[in-house]
Amino acid sequence: MLTLYLSAPIFSQSERRWNRLLAGHLTEAIKDCRVLLPQDITVSGRFNDRRHFPIIFRQCMEWIREADIIVAILDGQDVDSGVAFEVGYGYAIGKQIIGVRTDFRQNQERGVNVMLSRACTSFLLEMSFGENTEQLVRDLAGKIVAAIKSLKSGKQRGSS
């Protein structure tokens, strides 16, 4: 089974709902795929309890290590700090990272800080104007399938 870690902002209803929608579409589009959503981590049935932050942190790190591929949502004027950390950690341990940006605001490279754009194994830049989630999922699934082939062929990140 393919395991994806969805690294994305999780603080507003719209972010959380979009993450869940994207995860659902990906599990439908890619056979034998599961998506790990950090927003679902609870301790003793509670979300975001300060007393449990160390446990939540450790769970996220474990899921990143467990994941085959990280899908990182890189939207916003400045990418979410947690997503930036997860991308950096994933890069440091050699994970395939697919950066996704639907935000049309521009920054250094591909709309984001060069450190983030260069940490991504591949990148999907799909401007928000079309508001076509189905097309985004099809394009993202194609990137994931290519990443899987790269993993199976033993190609390392950055090799040609």
N, C-alpha and C. Protein backbone atom coordinates (compact mmCIF):
# COMPACT_ATOMS: atom_id res chain seq x y z
N MET A 1 0.84 -1.18 0.00
CA MET A 1 0.00 0.00 0.00
C MET A 1 0.88 1.25 0.00
N LEU A 2 0.51 2.22 -0.81
CA LEU A 2 1.20 3.50 -0.87
C LEU A 2 0.71 4.39 0.25
N THR A 3 1.64 5.01 0.96
CA THR A 3 1.28 5.92 2.05
C THR A 3 1.76 7.33 1.70
N LEU A 4 0.81 8.25 1.70
CA LEU A 4 1.10 9.66 1.47
C LEU A 4 0.93 10.43 2.77
N TYR A 5 1.80 11.38 3.01
CA TYR A 5 1.66 12.30 4.15
C TYR A 5 1.26 13.63 3.55
N LEU A 6 0.08 14.14 3.93
CA LEU A 6 -0.40 15.42 3.42
C LEU A 6 0.02 16.52 4.38
N SER A 7 1.05 17.23 3.98
CA SER A 7 1.57 18.35 4.75
C SER A 7 0.85 19.60 4.26
N ALA A 8 0.02 20.16 5.12
CA ALA A 8 -0.82 21.30 4.72
C ALA A 8 -1.24 22.09 5.94
N PRO A 9 -1.57 23.37 5.74
CA PRO A 9 -2.12 24.14 6.85
C PRO A 9 -3.39 23.47 7.38
N ILE A 10 -3.61 23.54 8.70
CA ILE A 10 -4.73 22.80 9.31
C ILE A 10 -5.51 23.66 10.32
N PHE A 11 -5.48 24.97 10.15
CA PHE A 11 -5.97 25.82 11.23
C PHE A 11 -7.36 26.41 11.01
N SER A 12 -7.86 26.43 9.79
CA SER A 12 -9.20 26.97 9.56
C SER A 12 -10.10 25.87 9.02
N GLN A 13 -11.40 26.11 9.11
CA GLN A 13 -12.34 25.12 8.57
C GLN A 13 -12.10 24.91 7.08
N SER A 14 -11.84 25.99 6.35
CA SER A 14 -11.65 25.84 4.90
C SER A 14 -10.39 25.02 4.60
N GLU A 15 -9.32 25.22 5.36
CA GLU A 15 -8.10 24.42 5.15
C GLU A 15 -8.36 22.95 5.47
N ARG A 16 -8.98 22.70 6.61
CA ARG A 16 -9.21 21.32 7.03
C ARG A 16 -10.15 20.59 6.07
N ARG A 17 -11.19 21.27 5.62
CA ARG A 17 -12.14 20.65 4.69
C ARG A 17 -11.46 20.38 3.34
N TRP A 18 -10.65 21.32 2.86
CA TRP A 18 -9.97 21.12 1.59
C TRP A 18 -8.98 19.96 1.69
N ASN A 19 -8.26 19.87 2.81
CA ASN A 19 -7.32 18.76 3.01
C ASN A 19 -8.07 17.42 2.96
N ARG A 20 -9.19 17.34 3.63
CA ARG A 20 -9.96 16.09 3.66
C ARG A 20 -10.51 15.77 2.27
N LEU A 21 -10.99 16.79 1.56
CA LEU A 21 -11.48 16.60 0.20
C LEU A 21 -10.36 16.08 -0.70
N LEU A 22 -9.19 16.71 -0.62
CA LEU A 22 -8.05 16.29 -1.43
C LEU A 22 -7.64 14.86 -1.08
N ALA A 23 -7.56 14.55 0.20
CA ALA A 23 -7.19 13.19 0.62
C ALA A 23 -8.18 12.17 0.09
N GLY A 24 -9.46 12.46 0.18
CA GLY A 24 -10.49 11.55 -0.33
C GLY A 24 -10.35 11.31 -1.82
N HIS A 25 -10.15 12.38 -2.57
CA HIS A 25 -9.98 12.26 -4.02
C HIS A 25 -8.73 11.46 -4.37
N LEU A 26 -7.65 11.67 -3.62
CA LEU A 26 -6.43 10.93 -3.91
C LEU A 26 -6.59 9.43 -3.64
N THR A 27 -7.29 9.08 -2.57
CA THR A 27 -7.48 7.65 -2.30
C THR A 27 -8.40 6.99 -3.34
N GLU A 28 -9.26 7.79 -3.95
CA GLU A 28 -10.10 7.27 -5.04
C GLU A 28 -9.30 7.15 -6.33
N ALA A 29 -8.41 8.10 -6.58
CA ALA A 29 -7.67 8.16 -7.84
C ALA A 29 -6.49 7.20 -7.91
N ILE A 30 -5.94 6.84 -6.75
CA ILE A 30 -4.74 6.00 -6.72
C ILE A 30 -5.06 4.71 -5.97
N LYS A 31 -4.95 3.61 -6.67
CA LYS A 31 -5.26 2.31 -6.07
C LYS A 31 -4.34 2.02 -4.89
N ASP A 32 -4.90 1.42 -3.83
CA ASP A 32 -4.14 1.03 -2.64
C ASP A 32 -3.34 2.19 -2.05
N CYS A 33 -4.00 3.31 -1.88
CA CYS A 33 -3.36 4.50 -1.34
C CYS A 33 -4.06 4.92 -0.05
N ARG A 34 -3.26 5.30 0.92
CA ARG A 34 -3.84 5.91 2.12
C ARG A 34 -3.13 7.22 2.36
N VAL A 35 -3.87 8.17 2.89
CA VAL A 35 -3.34 9.51 3.13
C VAL A 35 -3.35 9.77 4.62
N LEU A 36 -2.20 10.12 5.15
CA LEU A 36 -2.08 10.47 6.56
C LEU A 36 -2.34 11.97 6.70
N LEU A 37 -3.34 12.31 7.49
CA LEU A 37 -3.72 13.70 7.71
C LEU A 37 -3.34 14.12 9.14
N PRO A 38 -2.34 14.95 9.31
CA PRO A 38 -1.96 15.37 10.66
C PRO A 38 -3.11 16.01 11.43
N GLN A 39 -4.05 16.60 10.74
CA GLN A 39 -5.19 17.23 11.42
C GLN A 39 -6.04 16.22 12.17
N ASP A 40 -5.86 14.94 11.89
CA ASP A 40 -6.64 13.90 12.57
C ASP A 40 -5.99 13.39 13.85
N ILE A 41 -4.81 13.88 14.16
CA ILE A 41 -4.12 13.39 15.36
C ILE A 41 -4.82 13.94 16.61
N THR A 42 -5.21 13.03 17.46
CA THR A 42 -5.79 13.40 18.75
C THR A 42 -5.07 12.61 19.84
N VAL A 43 -5.11 13.14 21.03
CA VAL A 43 -4.60 12.44 22.19
C VAL A 43 -5.72 12.48 23.22
N SER A 44 -6.11 11.32 23.67
CA SER A 44 -7.24 11.20 24.61
C SER A 44 -8.49 11.87 24.05
N GLY A 45 -8.66 11.75 22.72
CA GLY A 45 -9.86 12.29 22.07
C GLY A 45 -9.87 13.80 21.92
N ARG A 46 -8.74 14.46 22.18
CA ARG A 46 -8.69 15.92 22.11
C ARG A 46 -7.73 16.37 21.01
N PHE A 47 -8.14 17.41 20.32
CA PHE A 47 -7.30 18.05 19.31
C PHE A 47 -6.55 19.21 19.95
N ASN A 48 -5.30 19.39 19.56
CA ASN A 48 -4.56 20.62 19.85
C ASN A 48 -4.50 20.99 21.33
N ASP A 49 -4.41 20.02 22.19
CA ASP A 49 -4.26 20.27 23.62
C ASP A 49 -2.78 20.52 23.90
N ARG A 50 -2.45 21.68 24.41
CA ARG A 50 -1.05 22.07 24.64
C ARG A 50 -0.27 21.02 25.43
N ARG A 51 -0.93 20.35 26.34
CA ARG A 51 -0.25 19.33 27.14
C ARG A 51 0.24 18.17 26.28
N HIS A 52 -0.38 18.00 25.12
CA HIS A 52 -0.06 16.86 24.26
C HIS A 52 0.78 17.24 23.04
N PHE A 53 1.26 18.47 22.97
CA PHE A 53 2.06 18.89 21.81
C PHE A 53 3.27 17.99 21.58
N PRO A 54 3.99 17.54 22.62
CA PRO A 54 5.12 16.63 22.36
C PRO A 54 4.69 15.33 21.66
N ILE A 55 3.53 14.82 22.05
CA ILE A 55 3.02 13.58 21.43
C ILE A 55 2.64 13.83 19.98
N ILE A 56 1.97 14.96 19.74
CA ILE A 56 1.55 15.31 18.38
C ILE A 56 2.78 15.48 17.48
N PHE A 57 3.79 16.17 17.99
CA PHE A 57 5.03 16.35 17.23
C PHE A 57 5.65 14.99 16.88
N ARG A 58 5.78 14.11 17.86
CA ARG A 58 6.38 12.79 17.60
C ARG A 58 5.56 11.99 16.59
N GLN A 59 4.24 12.09 16.67
CA GLN A 59 3.38 11.36 15.73
C GLN A 59 3.59 11.88 14.31
N CYS A 60 3.67 13.19 14.15
CA CYS A 60 3.92 13.74 12.81
C CYS A 60 5.26 13.28 12.27
N MET A 61 6.28 13.29 13.10
CA MET A 61 7.61 12.84 12.65
C MET A 61 7.57 11.36 12.26
N GLU A 62 6.87 10.56 13.04
CA GLU A 62 6.74 9.14 12.72
C GLU A 62 6.02 8.94 11.40
N TRP A 63 4.94 9.66 11.18
CA TRP A 63 4.19 9.54 9.93
C TRP A 63 5.03 9.97 8.73
N ILE A 64 5.82 11.03 8.88
CA ILE A 64 6.69 11.46 7.78
C ILE A 64 7.69 10.36 7.44
N ARG A 65 8.27 9.75 8.45
CA ARG A 65 9.23 8.66 8.21
C ARG A 65 8.53 7.46 7.56
N GLU A 66 7.29 7.20 7.95
CA GLU A 66 6.53 6.06 7.44
C GLU A 66 6.06 6.28 6.00
N ALA A 67 5.81 7.52 5.63
CA ALA A 67 5.23 7.83 4.32
C ALA A 67 6.20 7.50 3.19
N ASP A 68 5.62 7.07 2.08
CA ASP A 68 6.40 6.87 0.86
C ASP A 68 6.68 8.21 0.18
N ILE A 69 5.67 9.07 0.20
CA ILE A 69 5.73 10.36 -0.49
C ILE A 69 5.07 11.41 0.39
N ILE A 70 5.64 12.60 0.39
CA ILE A 70 5.03 13.75 1.07
C ILE A 70 4.40 14.64 0.00
N VAL A 71 3.14 14.98 0.20
CA VAL A 71 2.48 15.97 -0.65
C VAL A 71 2.37 17.23 0.19
N ALA A 72 3.04 18.29 -0.26
CA ALA A 72 3.11 19.53 0.52
C ALA A 72 2.32 20.64 -0.15
N ILE A 73 1.34 21.17 0.55
CA ILE A 73 0.54 22.28 0.04
C ILE A 73 1.29 23.57 0.37
N LEU A 74 1.72 24.27 -0.67
CA LEU A 74 2.60 25.42 -0.51
C LEU A 74 1.90 26.73 -0.85
N ASP A 75 0.64 26.84 -0.50
CA ASP A 75 -0.14 28.04 -0.76
C ASP A 75 0.09 29.08 0.34
N GLY A 76 -0.32 30.30 0.04
CA GLY A 76 -0.22 31.39 1.00
C GLY A 76 0.83 32.39 0.58
N GLN A 77 0.72 33.60 1.11
CA GLN A 77 1.72 34.61 0.83
C GLN A 77 3.08 34.12 1.28
N ASP A 78 3.10 33.46 2.43
CA ASP A 78 4.29 32.78 2.93
C ASP A 78 3.82 31.40 3.36
N VAL A 79 4.50 30.37 2.94
CA VAL A 79 4.09 29.00 3.22
C VAL A 79 3.97 28.78 4.73
N ASP A 80 2.97 28.01 5.13
CA ASP A 80 2.75 27.67 6.54
C ASP A 80 4.04 27.16 7.16
N SER A 81 4.36 27.63 8.36
CA SER A 81 5.63 27.28 9.01
C SER A 81 5.74 25.78 9.30
N GLY A 82 4.65 25.13 9.67
CA GLY A 82 4.69 23.69 9.91
C GLY A 82 4.96 22.93 8.63
N VAL A 83 4.34 23.34 7.53
CA VAL A 83 4.58 22.71 6.23
C VAL A 83 6.05 22.89 5.84
N ALA A 84 6.58 24.10 6.03
CA ALA A 84 7.99 24.35 5.70
C ALA A 84 8.91 23.43 6.49
N PHE A 85 8.62 23.25 7.77
CA PHE A 85 9.43 22.34 8.60
C PHE A 85 9.32 20.91 8.08
N GLU A 86 8.09 20.45 7.79
CA GLU A 86 7.90 19.08 7.34
C GLU A 86 8.60 18.82 6.00
N VAL A 87 8.58 19.80 5.10
CA VAL A 87 9.30 19.67 3.84
C VAL A 87 10.80 19.55 4.11
N GLY A 88 11.32 20.40 4.97
CA GLY A 88 12.74 20.34 5.30
C GLY A 88 13.14 19.03 5.93
N TYR A 89 12.32 18.54 6.85
CA TYR A 89 12.61 17.26 7.49
C TYR A 89 12.53 16.13 6.47
N GLY A 90 11.49 16.13 5.67
CA GLY A 90 11.35 15.10 4.63
C GLY A 90 12.53 15.11 3.67
N TYR A 91 12.96 16.29 3.28
CA TYR A 91 14.11 16.40 2.39
C TYR A 91 15.37 15.82 3.06
N ALA A 92 15.55 16.16 4.32
CA ALA A 92 16.75 15.72 5.05
C ALA A 92 16.83 14.20 5.18
N ILE A 93 15.66 13.54 5.23
CA ILE A 93 15.68 12.07 5.35
C ILE A 93 15.46 11.37 4.01
N GLY A 94 15.49 12.14 2.92
CA GLY A 94 15.46 11.54 1.59
C GLY A 94 14.10 11.18 1.04
N LYS A 95 13.05 11.82 1.50
CA LYS A 95 11.70 11.51 1.01
C LYS A 95 11.43 12.19 -0.33
N GLN A 96 10.60 11.54 -1.13
CA GLN A 96 10.05 12.15 -2.32
C GLN A 96 9.03 13.19 -1.85
N ILE A 97 9.12 14.41 -2.35
CA ILE A 97 8.22 15.49 -1.94
C ILE A 97 7.62 16.11 -3.19
N ILE A 98 6.29 16.13 -3.22
CA ILE A 98 5.59 16.79 -4.33
C ILE A 98 5.00 18.08 -3.78
N GLY A 99 5.52 19.20 -4.26
CA GLY A 99 5.00 20.50 -3.86
C GLY A 99 3.79 20.86 -4.71
N VAL A 100 2.75 21.37 -4.07
CA VAL A 100 1.53 21.77 -4.77
C VAL A 100 1.26 23.24 -4.43
N ARG A 101 1.12 24.04 -5.47
CA ARG A 101 0.80 25.45 -5.25
C ARG A 101 -0.34 25.84 -6.19
N THR A 102 -1.42 26.35 -5.59
CA THR A 102 -2.55 26.85 -6.36
C THR A 102 -2.65 28.37 -6.23
N ASP A 103 -1.88 28.92 -5.37
CA ASP A 103 -1.85 30.36 -5.08
C ASP A 103 -1.11 31.07 -6.21
N PHE A 104 -1.70 32.11 -6.78
CA PHE A 104 -1.07 32.77 -7.92
C PHE A 104 -0.09 33.88 -7.52
N ARG A 105 0.04 34.14 -6.23
CA ARG A 105 1.03 35.14 -5.80
C ARG A 105 2.43 34.57 -6.03
N GLN A 106 3.34 35.45 -6.43
CA GLN A 106 4.68 35.00 -6.79
C GLN A 106 5.71 35.35 -5.72
N ASN A 107 6.71 34.51 -5.59
CA ASN A 107 7.83 34.72 -4.70
C ASN A 107 9.08 34.40 -5.51
N GLN A 108 10.08 33.80 -4.95
CA GLN A 108 11.35 33.59 -5.63
C GLN A 108 11.26 32.62 -6.81
N GLU A 109 10.78 31.41 -6.56
CA GLU A 109 10.79 30.38 -7.60
C GLU A 109 9.53 29.54 -7.46
N ARG A 110 8.78 29.41 -8.56
CA ARG A 110 7.53 28.64 -8.53
C ARG A 110 6.56 29.21 -7.50
N GLY A 111 6.71 30.46 -7.16
CA GLY A 111 5.80 31.11 -6.22
C GLY A 111 6.18 30.97 -4.77
N VAL A 112 7.27 30.25 -4.46
CA VAL A 112 7.66 30.03 -3.07
C VAL A 112 9.15 30.34 -2.88
N ASN A 113 9.57 30.33 -1.65
CA ASN A 113 10.98 30.49 -1.31
C ASN A 113 11.79 29.40 -1.99
N VAL A 114 12.95 29.76 -2.51
CA VAL A 114 13.79 28.81 -3.25
C VAL A 114 14.14 27.57 -2.42
N MET A 115 14.27 27.69 -1.12
CA MET A 115 14.59 26.54 -0.28
C MET A 115 13.47 25.50 -0.33
N LEU A 116 12.24 25.95 -0.43
CA LEU A 116 11.10 25.02 -0.54
C LEU A 116 10.99 24.46 -1.95
N SER A 117 11.10 25.32 -2.95
CA SER A 117 10.94 24.81 -4.32
C SER A 117 12.02 23.80 -4.66
N ARG A 118 13.24 24.01 -4.18
CA ARG A 118 14.34 23.10 -4.48
C ARG A 118 14.30 21.82 -3.65
N ALA A 119 13.60 21.83 -2.53
CA ALA A 119 13.48 20.62 -1.71
C ALA A 119 12.47 19.64 -2.32
N CYS A 120 11.61 20.13 -3.20
CA CYS A 120 10.58 19.28 -3.80
C CYS A 120 11.16 18.46 -4.95
N THR A 121 10.83 17.18 -4.95
CA THR A 121 11.22 16.28 -6.02
C THR A 121 10.51 16.67 -7.31
N SER A 122 9.24 17.03 -7.17
CA SER A 122 8.47 17.53 -8.30
C SER A 122 7.51 18.60 -7.79
N PHE A 123 6.93 19.32 -8.71
CA PHE A 123 6.14 20.49 -8.33
C PHE A 123 4.92 20.58 -9.24
N LEU A 124 3.78 20.86 -8.65
CA LEU A 124 2.55 21.07 -9.40
C LEU A 124 2.10 22.50 -9.14
N LEU A 125 2.14 23.30 -10.18
CA LEU A 125 1.70 24.69 -10.09
C LEU A 125 0.41 24.80 -10.88
N GLU A 126 -0.69 24.90 -10.17
CA GLU A 126 -2.00 24.93 -10.80
C GLU A 126 -2.78 26.10 -10.20
N MET A 127 -2.81 27.19 -10.93
CA MET A 127 -3.41 28.42 -10.41
C MET A 127 -4.87 28.22 -10.02
N SER A 128 -5.28 28.95 -9.03
CA SER A 128 -6.61 28.79 -8.43
C SER A 128 -7.74 29.32 -9.30
N PHE A 129 -7.44 30.04 -10.36
CA PHE A 129 -8.49 30.68 -11.15
C PHE A 129 -9.53 29.69 -11.67
N GLY A 130 -9.10 28.50 -12.07
CA GLY A 130 -10.02 27.51 -12.62
C GLY A 130 -10.88 26.83 -11.57
N GLU A 131 -10.45 26.83 -10.33
CA GLU A 131 -11.19 26.21 -9.22
C GLU A 131 -11.62 24.78 -9.56
N ASN A 132 -10.74 24.05 -10.26
CA ASN A 132 -11.08 22.72 -10.73
C ASN A 132 -10.31 21.68 -9.90
N THR A 133 -10.91 21.26 -8.80
CA THR A 133 -10.27 20.31 -7.90
C THR A 133 -10.04 18.97 -8.59
N GLU A 134 -10.98 18.56 -9.44
CA GLU A 134 -10.85 17.28 -10.12
C GLU A 134 -9.61 17.26 -11.02
N GLN A 135 -9.37 18.35 -11.74
CA GLN A 135 -8.18 18.42 -12.60
C GLN A 135 -6.92 18.44 -11.76
N LEU A 136 -6.94 19.17 -10.67
CA LEU A 136 -5.79 19.21 -9.77
C LEU A 136 -5.47 17.81 -9.26
N VAL A 137 -6.50 17.06 -8.88
CA VAL A 137 -6.28 15.69 -8.37
C VAL A 137 -5.72 14.80 -9.48
N ARG A 138 -6.23 14.92 -10.69
CA ARG A 138 -5.70 14.12 -11.81
C ARG A 138 -4.22 14.44 -12.04
N ASP A 139 -3.90 15.72 -12.04
CA ASP A 139 -2.51 16.12 -12.27
C ASP A 139 -1.61 15.69 -11.11
N LEU A 140 -2.11 15.82 -9.89
CA LEU A 140 -1.34 15.41 -8.71
C LEU A 140 -1.16 13.89 -8.70
N ALA A 141 -2.20 13.15 -9.04
CA ALA A 141 -2.09 11.69 -9.10
C ALA A 141 -1.03 11.28 -10.13
N GLY A 142 -0.96 11.99 -11.24
CA GLY A 142 0.08 11.72 -12.23
C GLY A 142 1.48 11.93 -11.66
N LYS A 143 1.65 12.99 -10.89
CA LYS A 143 2.95 13.25 -10.26
C LYS A 143 3.27 12.16 -9.23
N ILE A 144 2.27 11.71 -8.50
CA ILE A 144 2.47 10.65 -7.50
C ILE A 144 2.86 9.35 -8.17
N VAL A 145 2.18 9.00 -9.26
CA VAL A 145 2.51 7.78 -9.99
C VAL A 145 3.95 7.85 -10.51
N ALA A 146 4.36 9.01 -11.03
CA ALA A 146 5.74 9.16 -11.50
C ALA A 146 6.72 9.00 -10.34
N ALA A 147 6.38 9.54 -9.17
CA ALA A 147 7.25 9.41 -8.00
C ALA A 147 7.35 7.95 -7.56
N ILE A 148 6.23 7.22 -7.64
CA ILE A 148 6.24 5.80 -7.29
C ILE A 148 7.19 5.04 -8.22
N LYS A 149 7.09 5.32 -9.52
CA LYS A 149 7.97 4.66 -10.49
C LYS A 149 9.42 4.97 -10.18
N SER A 150 9.70 6.20 -9.81
CA SER A 150 11.06 6.60 -9.45
C SER A 150 11.54 5.83 -8.22
N LEU A 151 10.67 5.67 -7.23
CA LEU A 151 11.01 4.91 -6.03
C LEU A 151 11.30 3.45 -6.37
N LYS A 152 10.45 2.87 -7.22
CA LYS A 152 10.60 1.46 -7.58
C LYS A 152 11.85 1.21 -8.42
N SER A 153 12.22 2.20 -9.23
CA SER A 153 13.41 2.03 -10.07
C SER A 153 14.69 2.31 -9.30
N GLY A 154 14.53 2.79 -8.05
CA GLY A 154 15.70 3.04 -7.23
C GLY A 154 16.37 4.36 -7.48
N LYS A 155 15.76 5.21 -8.30
CA LYS A 155 16.34 6.52 -8.55
C LYS A 155 16.29 7.35 -7.28
N GLN A 156 17.37 7.99 -6.99
CA GLN A 156 17.43 8.86 -5.82
C GLN A 156 17.02 10.28 -6.22
N ARG A 157 16.60 11.02 -5.22
CA ARG A 157 16.21 12.40 -5.44
C ARG A 157 17.39 13.15 -6.05
N GLY A 158 17.07 13.94 -7.07
CA GLY A 158 18.11 14.76 -7.69
C GLY A 158 18.89 14.07 -8.80
N SER A 159 18.67 12.76 -9.00
CA SER A 159 19.40 12.07 -10.09
C SER A 159 18.65 12.25 -11.39
N SER A 160 19.34 12.12 -12.51
CA SER A 160 18.65 12.31 -13.79
C SER A 160 18.16 11.02 -14.37
